[in-house]
């Protein structure tokens, strides 16, 4: 999942952030924050939530990407990941 958002945190400008959660050595939650031009704007790749996973395949582990999936992430999906993994409490806005 990918979103470009503004966040209201107080992290140093221009610094990237990576946070993840692992269970038994497997990464099961991931957030990467890549700074973009603009005030507190970041590109945030993260793992796709189950509700957005769709695939036109017999493989239960397959995932459709981008427009192929037919379902786009909403701000609430991005916020849920931030609530779990952000280095400080923050609110995301202005999803592009």
PDB file of N, CA and C in Angstrom:
ATOM      1  N   UNK A   1       0.861  -1.156   0.000  1.00  0.00           N
ATOM      2  CA  UNK A   1       0.000   0.000   0.000  1.00  0.00           C
ATOM      3  C   UNK A   1       0.911   1.224   0.000  1.00  0.00           C
ATOM      4  N   UNK A   2       0.462   2.277  -0.652  1.00  0.00           N
ATOM      5  CA  UNK A   2       1.283   3.473  -0.792  1.00  0.00           C
ATOM      6  C   UNK A   2       0.396   4.701  -0.689  1.00  0.00           C
ATOM      7  N   UNK A   3       0.840   5.683   0.078  1.00  0.00           N
ATOM      8  CA  UNK A   3       0.112   6.943   0.161  1.00  0.00           C
ATOM      9  C   UNK A   3       1.071   8.094   0.369  1.00  0.00           C
ATOM     10  N   UNK A   4       0.757   9.233  -0.234  1.00  0.00           N
ATOM     11  CA  UNK A   4       1.479  10.476   0.030  1.00  0.00           C
ATOM     12  C   UNK A   4       0.586  11.304   0.940  1.00  0.00           C
ATOM     13  N   UNK A   5       1.061  11.583   2.153  1.00  0.00           N
ATOM     14  CA  UNK A   5       0.242  12.269   3.148  1.00  0.00           C
ATOM     15  C   UNK A   5       1.047  13.345   3.868  1.00  0.00           C
ATOM     16  N   UNK A   6       0.323  14.239   4.534  1.00  0.00           N
ATOM     17  CA  UNK A   6       0.923  15.169   5.480  1.00  0.00           C
ATOM     18  C   UNK A   6       0.673  14.615   6.872  1.00  0.00           C
ATOM     19  N   UNK A   7       1.642  14.786   7.761  1.00  0.00           N
ATOM     20  CA  UNK A   7       1.494  14.347   9.150  1.00  0.00           C
ATOM     21  C   UNK A   7       1.827  15.519  10.069  1.00  0.00           C
ATOM     22  N   UNK A   8       1.252  15.497  11.271  1.00  0.00           N
ATOM     23  CA  UNK A   8       1.439  16.629  12.187  1.00  0.00           C
ATOM     24  C   UNK A   8       2.468  16.339  13.275  1.00  0.00           C
ATOM     25  N   UNK A   9       3.453  15.499  12.966  1.00  0.00           N
ATOM     26  CA  UNK A   9       4.438  15.166  13.987  1.00  0.00           C
ATOM     27  C   UNK A   9       5.577  16.180  14.020  1.00  0.00           C
ATOM     28  N   UNK A  10       6.513  15.962  14.943  1.00  0.00           N
ATOM     29  CA  UNK A  10       7.634  16.875  15.136  1.00  0.00           C
ATOM     30  C   UNK A  10       8.966  16.174  14.869  1.00  0.00           C
ATOM     31  N   UNK A  11       8.995  15.300  13.878  1.00  0.00           N
ATOM     32  CA  UNK A  11      10.231  14.624  13.497  1.00  0.00           C
ATOM     33  C   UNK A  11      11.121  15.600  12.725  1.00  0.00           C
ATOM     34  N   UNK A  12      12.442  15.379  12.731  1.00  0.00           N
ATOM     35  CA  UNK A  12      13.341  16.289  12.004  1.00  0.00           C
ATOM     36  C   UNK A  12      13.018  16.318  10.509  1.00  0.00           C
ATOM     37  N   UNK A  13      12.917  17.501   9.908  1.00  0.00           N
ATOM     38  CA  UNK A  13      12.613  17.589   8.478  1.00  0.00           C
ATOM     39  C   UNK A  13      13.695  16.916   7.629  1.00  0.00           C
ATOM     40  N   UNK A  14      13.264  16.263   6.564  1.00  0.00           N
ATOM     41  CA  UNK A  14      14.197  15.666   5.621  1.00  0.00           C
ATOM     42  C   UNK A  14      14.717  14.290   5.992  1.00  0.00           C
ATOM     43  N   UNK A  15      14.348  13.771   7.143  1.00  0.00           N
ATOM     44  CA  UNK A  15      14.815  12.456   7.571  1.00  0.00           C
ATOM     45  C   UNK A  15      13.777  11.397   7.220  1.00  0.00           C
ATOM     46  N   UNK A  16      14.237  10.273   6.693  1.00  0.00           N
ATOM     47  CA  UNK A  16      13.369   9.133   6.452  1.00  0.00           C
ATOM     48  C   UNK A  16      13.194   8.325   7.730  1.00  0.00           C
ATOM     49  N   UNK A  17      12.116   7.579   7.780  1.00  0.00           N
ATOM     50  CA  UNK A  17      11.806   6.759   8.955  1.00  0.00           C
ATOM     51  C   UNK A  17      11.396   5.372   8.477  1.00  0.00           C
ATOM     52  N   UNK A  18      11.850   4.350   9.193  1.00  0.00           N
ATOM     53  CA  UNK A  18      11.393   2.989   8.941  1.00  0.00           C
ATOM     54  C   UNK A  18      11.056   2.370  10.283  1.00  0.00           C
ATOM     55  N   UNK A  19       9.876   1.777  10.358  1.00  0.00           N
ATOM     56  CA  UNK A  19       9.459   1.076  11.569  1.00  0.00           C
ATOM     57  C   UNK A  19       8.806  -0.228  11.145  1.00  0.00           C
ATOM     58  N   UNK A  20       9.015  -1.267  11.938  1.00  0.00           N
ATOM     59  CA  UNK A  20       8.395  -2.548  11.603  1.00  0.00           C
ATOM     60  C   UNK A  20       8.138  -3.339  12.874  1.00  0.00           C
ATOM     61  N   UNK A  21       7.255  -4.310  12.745  1.00  0.00           N
ATOM     62  CA  UNK A  21       6.971  -5.241  13.829  1.00  0.00           C
ATOM     63  C   UNK A  21       7.231  -6.638  13.288  1.00  0.00           C
ATOM     64  N   UNK A  22       7.875  -7.461  14.094  1.00  0.00           N
ATOM     65  CA  UNK A  22       8.140  -8.840  13.686  1.00  0.00           C
ATOM     66  C   UNK A  22       7.565  -9.804  14.707  1.00  0.00           C
ATOM     67  N   UNK A  23       7.087 -10.926  14.200  1.00  0.00           N
ATOM     68  CA  UNK A  23       6.633 -12.032  15.028  1.00  0.00           C
ATOM     69  C   UNK A  23       7.376 -13.272  14.568  1.00  0.00           C
ATOM     70  N   UNK A  24       8.090 -13.901  15.480  1.00  0.00           N
ATOM     71  CA  UNK A  24       8.867 -15.106  15.162  1.00  0.00           C
ATOM     72  C   UNK A  24       9.787 -14.893  13.959  1.00  0.00           C
ATOM     73  N   UNK A  25      10.378 -13.704  13.857  1.00  0.00           N
ATOM     74  CA  UNK A  25      11.324 -13.413  12.789  1.00  0.00           C
ATOM     75  C   UNK A  25      10.704 -12.983  11.473  1.00  0.00           C
ATOM     76  N   UNK A  26       9.372 -12.993  11.370  1.00  0.00           N
ATOM     77  CA  UNK A  26       8.691 -12.566  10.147  1.00  0.00           C
ATOM     78  C   UNK A  26       8.129 -11.163  10.333  1.00  0.00           C
ATOM     79  N   UNK A  27       8.374 -10.289   9.363  1.00  0.00           N
ATOM     80  CA  UNK A  27       7.831  -8.935   9.424  1.00  0.00           C
ATOM     81  C   UNK A  27       6.346  -8.989   9.105  1.00  0.00           C
ATOM     82  N   UNK A  28       5.517  -8.563  10.072  1.00  0.00           N
ATOM     83  CA  UNK A  28       4.072  -8.594   9.865  1.00  0.00           C
ATOM     84  C   UNK A  28       3.446  -7.201   9.860  1.00  0.00           C
ATOM     85  N   UNK A  29       4.253  -6.175  10.034  1.00  0.00           N
ATOM     86  CA  UNK A  29       3.774  -4.794   9.948  1.00  0.00           C
ATOM     87  C   UNK A  29       4.974  -3.927   9.583  1.00  0.00           C
ATOM     88  N   UNK A  30       4.767  -2.967   8.677  1.00  0.00           N
ATOM     89  CA  UNK A  30       5.885  -2.187   8.153  1.00  0.00           C
ATOM     90  C   UNK A  30       5.415  -0.790   7.781  1.00  0.00           C
ATOM     91  N   UNK A  31       6.219   0.202   8.109  1.00  0.00           N
ATOM     92  CA  UNK A  31       5.965   1.588   7.733  1.00  0.00           C
ATOM     93  C   UNK A  31       7.291   2.217   7.325  1.00  0.00           C
ATOM     94  N   UNK A  32       7.320   2.827   6.143  1.00  0.00           N
ATOM     95  CA  UNK A  32       8.481   3.582   5.676  1.00  0.00           C
ATOM     96  C   UNK A  32       7.978   4.984   5.348  1.00  0.00           C
ATOM     97  N   UNK A  33       8.686   6.001   5.807  1.00  0.00           N
ATOM     98  CA  UNK A  33       8.288   7.393   5.574  1.00  0.00           C
ATOM     99  C   UNK A  33       9.414   8.099   4.827  1.00  0.00           C
ATOM    100  N   UNK A  34       9.152   8.451   3.580  1.00  0.00           N
ATOM    101  CA  UNK A  34      10.145   9.079   2.715  1.00  0.00           C
ATOM    102  C   UNK A  34       9.753  10.546   2.546  1.00  0.00           C
ATOM    103  N   UNK A  35      10.616  11.477   2.974  1.00  0.00           N
ATOM    104  CA  UNK A  35      10.244  12.893   2.892  1.00  0.00           C
ATOM    105  C   UNK A  35      10.039  13.355   1.452  1.00  0.00           C
ATOM    106  N   UNK A  36       9.019  14.187   1.269  1.00  0.00           N
ATOM    107  CA  UNK A  36       8.696  14.795  -0.019  1.00  0.00           C
ATOM    108  C   UNK A  36       8.732  16.314   0.135  1.00  0.00           C
ATOM    109  N   UNK A  37       8.776  17.052  -0.971  1.00  0.00           N
ATOM    110  CA  UNK A  37       8.670  18.508  -0.858  1.00  0.00           C
ATOM    111  C   UNK A  37       7.342  18.897  -0.201  1.00  0.00           C
ATOM    112  N   UNK A  38       7.375  19.939   0.585  1.00  0.00           N
ATOM    113  CA  UNK A  38       6.179  20.397   1.293  1.00  0.00           C
ATOM    114  C   UNK A  38       6.339  20.184   2.785  1.00  0.00           C
ATOM    115  N   UNK A  39       5.511  20.848   3.554  1.00  0.00           N
ATOM    116  CA  UNK A  39       5.596  20.789   5.013  1.00  0.00           C
ATOM    117  C   UNK A  39       5.079  19.452   5.533  1.00  0.00           C
ATOM    118  N   UNK A  40       5.959  18.683   6.136  1.00  0.00           N
ATOM    119  CA  UNK A  40       5.615  17.389   6.750  1.00  0.00           C
ATOM    120  C   UNK A  40       4.896  16.440   5.790  1.00  0.00           C
ATOM    121  N   UNK A  41       5.264  16.469   4.509  1.00  0.00           N
ATOM    122  CA  UNK A  41       4.672  15.547   3.528  1.00  0.00           C
ATOM    123  C   UNK A  41       5.631  14.388   3.318  1.00  0.00           C
ATOM    124  N   UNK A  42       5.062  13.184   3.329  1.00  0.00           N
ATOM    125  CA  UNK A  42       5.847  11.961   3.184  1.00  0.00           C
ATOM    126  C   UNK A  42       5.145  10.993   2.246  1.00  0.00           C
ATOM    127  N   UNK A  43       5.938  10.228   1.518  1.00  0.00           N
ATOM    128  CA  UNK A  43       5.443   9.049   0.799  1.00  0.00           C
ATOM    129  C   UNK A  43       5.615   7.890   1.761  1.00  0.00           C
ATOM    130  N   UNK A  44       4.531   7.138   1.961  1.00  0.00           N
ATOM    131  CA  UNK A  44       4.547   6.074   2.959  1.00  0.00           C
ATOM    132  C   UNK A  44       4.138   4.739   2.357  1.00  0.00           C
ATOM    133  N   UNK A  45       5.122   3.919   1.997  1.00  0.00           N
ATOM    134  CA  UNK A  45       4.814   2.540   1.641  1.00  0.00           C
ATOM    135  C   UNK A  45       4.615   1.724   2.919  1.00  0.00           C
ATOM    136  N   UNK A  46       3.723   0.766   2.860  1.00  0.00           N
ATOM    137  CA  UNK A  46       3.441  -0.113   3.996  1.00  0.00           C
ATOM    138  C   UNK A  46       2.799  -1.387   3.485  1.00  0.00           C
ATOM    139  N   UNK A  47       2.663  -2.368   4.352  1.00  0.00           N
ATOM    140  CA  UNK A  47       2.032  -3.617   3.949  1.00  0.00           C
ATOM    141  C   UNK A  47       0.548  -3.396   3.685  1.00  0.00           C
ATOM    142  N   UNK A  48       0.002  -4.162   2.763  1.00  0.00           N
ATOM    143  CA  UNK A  48      -1.409  -4.050   2.390  1.00  0.00           C
ATOM    144  C   UNK A  48      -2.273  -4.704   3.469  1.00  0.00           C
ATOM    145  N   UNK A  49      -3.301  -3.996   3.972  1.00  0.00           N
ATOM    146  CA  UNK A  49      -4.186  -4.624   4.956  1.00  0.00           C
ATOM    147  C   UNK A  49      -5.036  -5.714   4.299  1.00  0.00           C
ATOM    148  N   UNK A  50      -5.453  -6.670   5.095  1.00  0.00           N
ATOM    149  CA  UNK A  50      -6.232  -7.796   4.568  1.00  0.00           C
ATOM    150  C   UNK A  50      -7.453  -7.344   3.783  1.00  0.00           C
ATOM    151  N   UNK A  51      -8.140  -6.298   4.238  1.00  0.00           N
ATOM    152  CA  UNK A  51      -9.370  -5.879   3.562  1.00  0.00           C
ATOM    153  C   UNK A  51      -9.126  -5.338   2.154  1.00  0.00           C
ATOM    154  N   UNK A  52      -7.890  -4.956   1.835  1.00  0.00           N
ATOM    155  CA  UNK A  52      -7.578  -4.468   0.488  1.00  0.00           C
ATOM    156  C   UNK A  52      -6.898  -5.518  -0.377  1.00  0.00           C
ATOM    157  N   UNK A  53      -6.616  -6.663   0.194  1.00  0.00           N
ATOM    158  CA  UNK A  53      -5.972  -7.727  -0.583  1.00  0.00           C
ATOM    159  C   UNK A  53      -6.994  -8.353  -1.519  1.00  0.00           C
ATOM    160  N   UNK A  54      -6.704  -8.295  -2.782  1.00  0.00           N
ATOM    161  CA  UNK A  54      -7.529  -8.956  -3.783  1.00  0.00           C
ATOM    162  C   UNK A  54      -6.596  -9.531  -4.825  1.00  0.00           C
ATOM    163  N   UNK A  55      -6.978 -10.639  -5.366  1.00  0.00           N
ATOM    164  CA  UNK A  55      -6.152 -11.243  -6.406  1.00  0.00           C
ATOM    165  C   UNK A  55      -7.028 -12.045  -7.347  1.00  0.00           C
ATOM    166  N   UNK A  56      -6.710 -11.991  -8.610  1.00  0.00           N
ATOM    167  CA  UNK A  56      -7.398 -12.798  -9.616  1.00  0.00           C
ATOM    168  C   UNK A  56      -6.540 -14.020  -9.875  1.00  0.00           C
ATOM    169  N   UNK A  57      -6.469 -14.875  -8.877  1.00  0.00           N
ATOM    170  CA  UNK A  57      -5.582 -16.023  -8.953  1.00  0.00           C
ATOM    171  C   UNK A  57      -6.094 -17.102  -8.015  1.00  0.00           C
ATOM    172  N   UNK A  58      -5.714 -18.330  -8.279  1.00  0.00           N
ATOM    173  CA  UNK A  58      -6.059 -19.421  -7.371  1.00  0.00           C
ATOM    174  C   UNK A  58      -5.101 -19.485  -6.193  1.00  0.00           C
ATOM    175  N   UNK A  59      -4.049 -18.694  -6.237  1.00  0.00           N
ATOM    176  CA  UNK A  59      -3.062 -18.664  -5.167  1.00  0.00           C
ATOM    177  C   UNK A  59      -3.579 -17.779  -4.034  1.00  0.00           C
ATOM    178  N   UNK A  60      -3.872 -18.351  -2.848  1.00  0.00           N
ATOM    179  CA  UNK A  60      -4.415 -17.545  -1.751  1.00  0.00           C
ATOM    180  C   UNK A  60      -3.442 -16.487  -1.239  1.00  0.00           C
ATOM    181  N   UNK A  61      -2.159 -16.617  -1.538  1.00  0.00           N
ATOM    182  CA  UNK A  61      -1.175 -15.635  -1.104  1.00  0.00           C
ATOM    183  C   UNK A  61      -0.929 -14.536  -2.124  1.00  0.00           C
ATOM    184  N   UNK A  62      -1.568 -14.630  -3.290  1.00  0.00           N
ATOM    185  CA  UNK A  62      -1.346 -13.645  -4.348  1.00  0.00           C
ATOM    186  C   UNK A  62      -2.001 -12.317  -3.987  1.00  0.00           C
ATOM    187  N   UNK A  63      -1.400 -11.243  -4.435  1.00  0.00           N
ATOM    188  CA  UNK A  63      -1.916  -9.901  -4.191  1.00  0.00           C
ATOM    189  C   UNK A  63      -1.924  -9.148  -5.511  1.00  0.00           C
ATOM    190  N   UNK A  64      -3.030  -8.470  -5.821  1.00  0.00           N
ATOM    191  CA  UNK A  64      -3.083  -7.615  -6.999  1.00  0.00           C
ATOM    192  C   UNK A  64      -2.560  -6.244  -6.603  1.00  0.00           C
ATOM    193  N   UNK A  65      -1.831  -5.600  -7.500  1.00  0.00           N
ATOM    194  CA  UNK A  65      -1.205  -4.323  -7.176  1.00  0.00           C
ATOM    195  C   UNK A  65      -1.805  -3.188  -7.990  1.00  0.00           C
ATOM    196  N   UNK A  66      -1.768  -1.989  -7.420  1.00  0.00           N
ATOM    197  CA  UNK A  66      -2.187  -0.789  -8.129  1.00  0.00           C
ATOM    198  C   UNK A  66      -3.626  -0.861  -8.586  1.00  0.00           C
ATOM    199  N   UNK A  67      -3.874  -0.346  -9.778  1.00  0.00           N
ATOM    200  CA  UNK A  67      -5.232  -0.307 -10.298  1.00  0.00           C
ATOM    201  C   UNK A  67      -5.798  -1.692 -10.537  1.00  0.00           C
ATOM    202  N   UNK A  68      -4.940  -2.671 -10.696  1.00  0.00           N
ATOM    203  CA  UNK A  68      -5.385  -4.046 -10.914  1.00  0.00           C
ATOM    204  C   UNK A  68      -6.236  -4.535  -9.742  1.00  0.00           C
ATOM    205  N   UNK A  69      -5.928  -4.093  -8.542  1.00  0.00           N
ATOM    206  CA  UNK A  69      -6.653  -4.537  -7.357  1.00  0.00           C
ATOM    207  C   UNK A  69      -8.061  -3.998  -7.277  1.00  0.00           C
ATOM    208  N   UNK A  70      -8.324  -2.847  -7.897  1.00  0.00           N
ATOM    209  CA  UNK A  70      -9.669  -2.302  -7.901  1.00  0.00           C
ATOM    210  C   UNK A  70     -10.058  -1.573  -6.620  1.00  0.00           C
ATOM    211  N   UNK A  71      -9.245  -1.633  -5.592  1.00  0.00           N
ATOM    212  CA  UNK A  71      -9.553  -0.968  -4.331  1.00  0.00           C
ATOM    213  C   UNK A  71      -8.359  -0.126  -3.918  1.00  0.00           C
ATOM    214  N   UNK A  72      -8.591   1.147  -3.728  1.00  0.00           N
ATOM    215  CA  UNK A  72      -7.504   2.060  -3.355  1.00  0.00           C
ATOM    216  C   UNK A  72      -7.485   2.264  -1.846  1.00  0.00           C
ATOM    217  N   UNK A  73      -6.313   2.469  -1.273  1.00  0.00           N
ATOM    218  CA  UNK A  73      -6.257   2.775   0.151  1.00  0.00           C
ATOM    219  C   UNK A  73      -6.894   4.134   0.432  1.00  0.00           C
ATOM    220  N   UNK A  74      -7.501   4.228   1.598  1.00  0.00           N
ATOM    221  CA  UNK A  74      -8.086   5.482   2.062  1.00  0.00           C
ATOM    222  C   UNK A  74      -7.241   6.003   3.216  1.00  0.00           C
ATOM    223  N   UNK A  75      -7.495   7.235   3.602  1.00  0.00           N
ATOM    224  CA  UNK A  75      -6.739   7.844   4.692  1.00  0.00           C
ATOM    225  C   UNK A  75      -6.824   6.999   5.959  1.00  0.00           C
ATOM    226  N   UNK A  76      -7.958   6.386   6.214  1.00  0.00           N
ATOM    227  CA  UNK A  76      -8.118   5.560   7.424  1.00  0.00           C
ATOM    228  C   UNK A  76      -7.169   4.362   7.421  1.00  0.00           C
ATOM    229  N   UNK A  77      -6.860   3.814   6.259  1.00  0.00           N
ATOM    230  CA  UNK A  77      -5.910   2.702   6.179  1.00  0.00           C
ATOM    231  C   UNK A  77      -4.501   3.172   6.550  1.00  0.00           C
ATOM    232  N   UNK A  78      -4.114   4.338   6.039  1.00  0.00           N
ATOM    233  CA  UNK A  78      -2.801   4.911   6.361  1.00  0.00           C
ATOM    234  C   UNK A  78      -2.731   5.240   7.855  1.00  0.00           C
ATOM    235  N   UNK A  79      -3.799   5.853   8.377  1.00  0.00           N
ATOM    236  CA  UNK A  79      -3.818   6.248   9.783  1.00  0.00           C
ATOM    237  C   UNK A  79      -3.703   5.042  10.702  1.00  0.00           C
ATOM    238  N   UNK A  80      -4.326   3.940  10.346  1.00  0.00           N
ATOM    239  CA  UNK A  80      -4.257   2.733  11.180  1.00  0.00           C
ATOM    240  C   UNK A  80      -2.811   2.254  11.331  1.00  0.00           C
ATOM    241  N   UNK A  81      -2.048   2.300  10.249  1.00  0.00           N
ATOM    242  CA  UNK A  81      -0.639   1.894  10.323  1.00  0.00           C
ATOM    243  C   UNK A  81       0.154   2.904  11.154  1.00  0.00           C
ATOM    244  N   UNK A  82      -0.094   4.183  10.954  1.00  0.00           N
ATOM    245  CA  UNK A  82       0.583   5.202  11.762  1.00  0.00           C
ATOM    246  C   UNK A  82       0.269   5.030  13.247  1.00  0.00           C
ATOM    247  N   UNK A  83      -0.965   4.699  13.562  1.00  0.00           N
ATOM    248  CA  UNK A  83      -1.338   4.486  14.967  1.00  0.00           C
ATOM    249  C   UNK A  83      -0.529   3.356  15.596  1.00  0.00           C
ATOM    250  N   UNK A  84      -0.190   2.365  14.797  1.00  0.00           N
ATOM    251  CA  UNK A  84       0.573   1.225  15.318  1.00  0.00           C
ATOM    252  C   UNK A  84       2.078   1.472  15.332  1.00  0.00           C
ATOM    253  N   UNK A  85       2.618   2.172  14.323  1.00  0.00           N
ATOM    254  CA  UNK A  85       4.067   2.178  14.124  1.00  0.00           C
ATOM    255  C   UNK A  85       4.751   3.547  14.123  1.00  0.00           C
ATOM    256  N   UNK A  86       4.011   4.627  14.130  1.00  0.00           N
ATOM    257  CA  UNK A  86       4.632   5.949  14.096  1.00  0.00           C
ATOM    258  C   UNK A  86       5.522   6.166  15.313  1.00  0.00           C
ATOM    259  N   UNK A  87       6.652   6.883  15.139  1.00  0.00           N
ATOM    260  CA  UNK A  87       7.540   7.133  16.278  1.00  0.00           C
ATOM    261  C   UNK A  87       6.925   8.050  17.337  1.00  0.00           C
ATOM    262  N   UNK A  88       5.841   8.729  17.002  1.00  0.00           N
ATOM    263  CA  UNK A  88       5.106   9.547  17.969  1.00  0.00           C
ATOM    264  C   UNK A  88       3.657   9.639  17.486  1.00  0.00           C
ATOM    265  N   UNK A  89       2.715   9.920  18.377  1.00  0.00           N
ATOM    266  CA  UNK A  89       1.325  10.059  17.928  1.00  0.00           C
ATOM    267  C   UNK A  89       1.226  11.145  16.855  1.00  0.00           C
ATOM    268  N   UNK A  90       0.482  10.841  15.805  1.00  0.00           N
ATOM    269  CA  UNK A  90       0.350  11.784  14.695  1.00  0.00           C
ATOM    270  C   UNK A  90      -0.969  11.558  13.981  1.00  0.00           C
ATOM    271  N   UNK A  91      -1.395  12.564  13.244  1.00  0.00           N
ATOM    272  CA  UNK A  91      -2.600  12.470  12.426  1.00  0.00           C
ATOM    273  C   UNK A  91      -2.193  12.729  10.982  1.00  0.00           C
ATOM    274  N   UNK A  92      -2.616  11.844  10.094  1.00  0.00           N
ATOM    275  CA  UNK A  92      -2.347  11.996   8.665  1.00  0.00           C
ATOM    276  C   UNK A  92      -3.486  12.768   8.008  1.00  0.00           C
ATOM    277  N   UNK A  93      -3.144  13.548   6.981  1.00  0.00           N
ATOM    278  CA  UNK A  93      -4.157  14.290   6.234  1.00  0.00           C
ATOM    279  C   UNK A  93      -3.680  14.477   4.795  1.00  0.00           C
ATOM    280  N   UNK A  94      -4.567  14.995   3.971  1.00  0.00           N
ATOM    281  CA  UNK A  94      -4.256  15.353   2.581  1.00  0.00           C
ATOM    282  C   UNK A  94      -3.620  14.199   1.806  1.00  0.00           C
ATOM    283  N   UNK A  95      -4.310  13.070   1.781  1.00  0.00           N
ATOM    284  CA  UNK A  95      -3.842  11.905   1.024  1.00  0.00           C
ATOM    285  C   UNK A  95      -3.866  12.203  -0.465  1.00  0.00           C
ATOM    286  N   UNK A  96      -2.766  11.869  -1.118  1.00  0.00           N
ATOM    287  CA  UNK A  96      -2.698  11.968  -2.588  1.00  0.00           C
ATOM    288  C   UNK A  96      -2.415  10.602  -3.139  1.00  0.00           C
TER     289      UNK A  96
END
